[in-house]
Amino acid sequence: AIKSSAPKNTSLSVSLSEPSDDEIRVRAYFISERRIQLALPGDSDRDWIEARRQLVEEAKRNAS
C-alpha cells in the first residue's frame, strides 16, 4: 500500500481560521448597515476587512 506523506488535519486548521467568502459577505453587510445608520466613515472594502478580522478572531477563540 502507498502511504501519503501529507500531514493530516491541514484543511481543518485552515478552515477554522479562514472564514468562507459567504460568511465574510454576510458579516460585512451587517457592518455596513450599522456604519450607514450611525453615519460612520468607511467603505465596503473596510467593511470586508473588518468582517474577516472579526470572524478569524471568533474562530480562534472558539478553537481554544
N, C-alpha and C. Protein backbone atom coordinates (compact mmCIF):
# COMPACT_ATOMS: atom_id res chain seq x y z
N ALA A 1 0.84 -1.18 0.00
CA ALA A 1 0.00 0.00 0.00
C ALA A 1 0.88 1.25 0.00
N ILE A 2 0.40 2.30 -0.67
CA ILE A 2 1.11 3.56 -0.73
C ILE A 2 0.61 4.45 0.40
N LYS A 3 1.54 5.00 1.16
CA LYS A 3 1.18 5.89 2.25
C LYS A 3 1.39 7.33 1.82
N SER A 4 0.46 8.16 2.18
CA SER A 4 0.57 9.58 1.87
C SER A 4 1.45 10.25 2.91
N SER A 5 2.33 11.12 2.44
CA SER A 5 3.19 11.84 3.38
C SER A 5 2.61 13.21 3.76
N ALA A 6 1.44 13.53 3.21
CA ALA A 6 0.81 14.81 3.51
C ALA A 6 0.32 14.82 4.95
N PRO A 7 0.52 15.91 5.66
CA PRO A 7 0.05 15.98 7.06
C PRO A 7 -1.47 15.96 7.10
N LYS A 8 -1.99 15.29 8.09
CA LYS A 8 -3.44 15.23 8.27
C LYS A 8 -3.92 16.47 9.00
N ASN A 9 -5.20 16.76 8.87
CA ASN A 9 -5.85 17.90 9.54
C ASN A 9 -5.40 19.26 9.03
N THR A 10 -4.68 19.31 7.93
CA THR A 10 -4.26 20.60 7.40
C THR A 10 -5.46 21.43 6.98
N SER A 11 -6.40 20.83 6.26
CA SER A 11 -7.56 21.58 5.81
C SER A 11 -8.44 21.99 6.99
N LEU A 12 -8.46 21.19 8.03
CA LEU A 12 -9.25 21.53 9.20
C LEU A 12 -8.71 22.78 9.87
N SER A 13 -7.40 22.87 10.05
CA SER A 13 -6.85 24.04 10.71
C SER A 13 -7.02 25.29 9.85
N VAL A 14 -6.96 25.15 8.54
CA VAL A 14 -7.18 26.30 7.67
C VAL A 14 -8.62 26.75 7.75
N SER A 15 -9.57 25.81 7.73
CA SER A 15 -10.97 26.19 7.75
C SER A 15 -11.38 26.80 9.09
N LEU A 16 -10.69 26.45 10.16
CA LEU A 16 -11.02 27.04 11.46
C LEU A 16 -10.62 28.50 11.53
N SER A 17 -9.54 28.87 10.87
CA SER A 17 -9.09 30.25 10.98
C SER A 17 -9.46 31.10 9.78
N GLU A 18 -9.86 30.50 8.68
CA GLU A 18 -10.17 31.26 7.47
C GLU A 18 -11.66 31.11 7.12
N PRO A 19 -12.44 32.15 7.35
CA PRO A 19 -13.88 32.08 7.05
C PRO A 19 -14.13 32.05 5.54
N SER A 20 -15.28 31.53 5.16
CA SER A 20 -15.64 31.49 3.74
C SER A 20 -16.04 32.89 3.28
N ASP A 21 -16.02 33.07 1.97
CA ASP A 21 -16.44 34.35 1.40
C ASP A 21 -17.88 34.67 1.77
N ASP A 22 -18.73 33.65 1.81
CA ASP A 22 -20.13 33.88 2.16
C ASP A 22 -20.27 34.37 3.61
N GLU A 23 -19.50 33.78 4.53
CA GLU A 23 -19.54 34.23 5.92
C GLU A 23 -19.07 35.67 6.03
N ILE A 24 -17.99 35.99 5.32
CA ILE A 24 -17.47 37.37 5.35
C ILE A 24 -18.49 38.32 4.74
N ARG A 25 -19.11 37.92 3.64
CA ARG A 25 -20.08 38.78 2.95
C ARG A 25 -21.25 39.15 3.86
N VAL A 26 -21.77 38.17 4.57
CA VAL A 26 -22.92 38.41 5.47
C VAL A 26 -22.50 39.35 6.61
N ARG A 27 -21.34 39.07 7.21
CA ARG A 27 -20.88 39.92 8.31
C ARG A 27 -20.61 41.34 7.81
N ALA A 28 -19.99 41.46 6.64
CA ALA A 28 -19.69 42.79 6.09
C ALA A 28 -20.97 43.57 5.81
N TYR A 29 -22.02 42.87 5.38
CA TYR A 29 -23.30 43.52 5.15
C TYR A 29 -23.81 44.19 6.43
N PHE A 30 -23.78 43.44 7.53
CA PHE A 30 -24.28 43.99 8.79
C PHE A 30 -23.38 45.11 9.31
N ILE A 31 -22.09 44.99 9.10
CA ILE A 31 -21.17 46.07 9.48
C ILE A 31 -21.50 47.32 8.68
N SER A 32 -21.74 47.16 7.38
CA SER A 32 -22.03 48.33 6.55
C SER A 32 -23.37 48.95 6.92
N GLU A 33 -24.37 48.14 7.24
CA GLU A 33 -25.67 48.67 7.67
C GLU A 33 -25.52 49.52 8.93
N ARG A 34 -24.76 49.02 9.88
CA ARG A 34 -24.54 49.77 11.13
C ARG A 34 -23.77 51.06 10.84
N ARG A 35 -22.74 50.96 10.01
CA ARG A 35 -21.92 52.12 9.66
C ARG A 35 -22.77 53.20 9.01
N ILE A 36 -23.65 52.80 8.12
CA ILE A 36 -24.52 53.77 7.42
C ILE A 36 -25.52 54.39 8.40
N GLN A 37 -26.13 53.57 9.25
CA GLN A 37 -27.11 54.09 10.21
C GLN A 37 -26.48 55.09 11.17
N LEU A 38 -25.25 54.85 11.55
CA LEU A 38 -24.57 55.73 12.51
C LEU A 38 -23.76 56.83 11.82
N ALA A 39 -23.82 56.87 10.50
CA ALA A 39 -23.08 57.86 9.70
C ALA A 39 -21.59 57.85 10.02
N LEU A 40 -21.03 56.63 10.14
CA LEU A 40 -19.61 56.48 10.41
C LEU A 40 -18.83 56.48 9.10
N PRO A 41 -17.57 56.91 9.14
CA PRO A 41 -16.77 56.88 7.92
C PRO A 41 -16.40 55.44 7.56
N GLY A 42 -16.12 55.21 6.30
CA GLY A 42 -15.71 53.89 5.85
C GLY A 42 -16.25 53.57 4.48
N ASP A 43 -15.94 52.37 4.03
CA ASP A 43 -16.42 51.91 2.73
C ASP A 43 -16.53 50.39 2.74
N SER A 44 -16.98 49.84 1.64
CA SER A 44 -17.22 48.39 1.58
C SER A 44 -15.93 47.58 1.74
N ASP A 45 -14.81 48.10 1.26
CA ASP A 45 -13.55 47.38 1.42
C ASP A 45 -13.17 47.26 2.89
N ARG A 46 -13.32 48.34 3.62
CA ARG A 46 -13.02 48.31 5.06
C ARG A 46 -14.01 47.42 5.80
N ASP A 47 -15.26 47.41 5.36
CA ASP A 47 -16.26 46.53 5.97
C ASP A 47 -15.85 45.07 5.79
N TRP A 48 -15.38 44.73 4.60
CA TRP A 48 -14.96 43.35 4.29
C TRP A 48 -13.78 42.96 5.18
N ILE A 49 -12.80 43.84 5.27
CA ILE A 49 -11.61 43.56 6.08
C ILE A 49 -11.99 43.38 7.54
N GLU A 50 -12.85 44.24 8.05
CA GLU A 50 -13.29 44.14 9.44
C GLU A 50 -14.10 42.87 9.68
N ALA A 51 -14.94 42.51 8.74
CA ALA A 51 -15.74 41.29 8.86
C ALA A 51 -14.83 40.06 8.93
N ARG A 52 -13.85 40.01 8.06
CA ARG A 52 -12.91 38.88 8.05
C ARG A 52 -12.14 38.83 9.36
N ARG A 53 -11.67 39.99 9.84
CA ARG A 53 -10.92 40.05 11.09
C ARG A 53 -11.76 39.52 12.26
N GLN A 54 -13.01 39.96 12.32
CA GLN A 54 -13.89 39.51 13.40
C GLN A 54 -14.10 38.00 13.36
N LEU A 55 -14.36 37.47 12.17
CA LEU A 55 -14.62 36.04 12.04
C LEU A 55 -13.39 35.20 12.37
N VAL A 56 -12.22 35.65 11.97
CA VAL A 56 -10.99 34.93 12.30
C VAL A 56 -10.78 34.93 13.81
N GLU A 57 -10.98 36.08 14.45
CA GLU A 57 -10.84 36.17 15.90
C GLU A 57 -11.83 35.25 16.61
N GLU A 58 -13.07 35.23 16.15
CA GLU A 58 -14.08 34.35 16.76
C GLU A 58 -13.69 32.89 16.60
N ALA A 59 -13.19 32.51 15.45
CA ALA A 59 -12.78 31.13 15.21
C ALA A 59 -11.62 30.74 16.14
N LYS A 60 -10.69 31.66 16.34
CA LYS A 60 -9.56 31.38 17.25
C LYS A 60 -10.05 31.20 18.67
N ARG A 61 -10.96 32.06 19.11
CA ARG A 61 -11.49 31.94 20.48
C ARG A 61 -12.24 30.63 20.67
N ASN A 62 -13.02 30.25 19.66
CA ASN A 62 -13.83 29.04 19.77
C ASN A 62 -12.99 27.78 19.66
N ALA A 63 -11.82 27.87 19.03
CA ALA A 63 -10.95 26.70 18.86
C ALA A 63 -10.17 26.38 20.13
N SER A 64 -10.00 27.36 20.98
CA SER A 64 -9.19 27.12 22.19
C SER A 64 -10.02 26.81 23.40
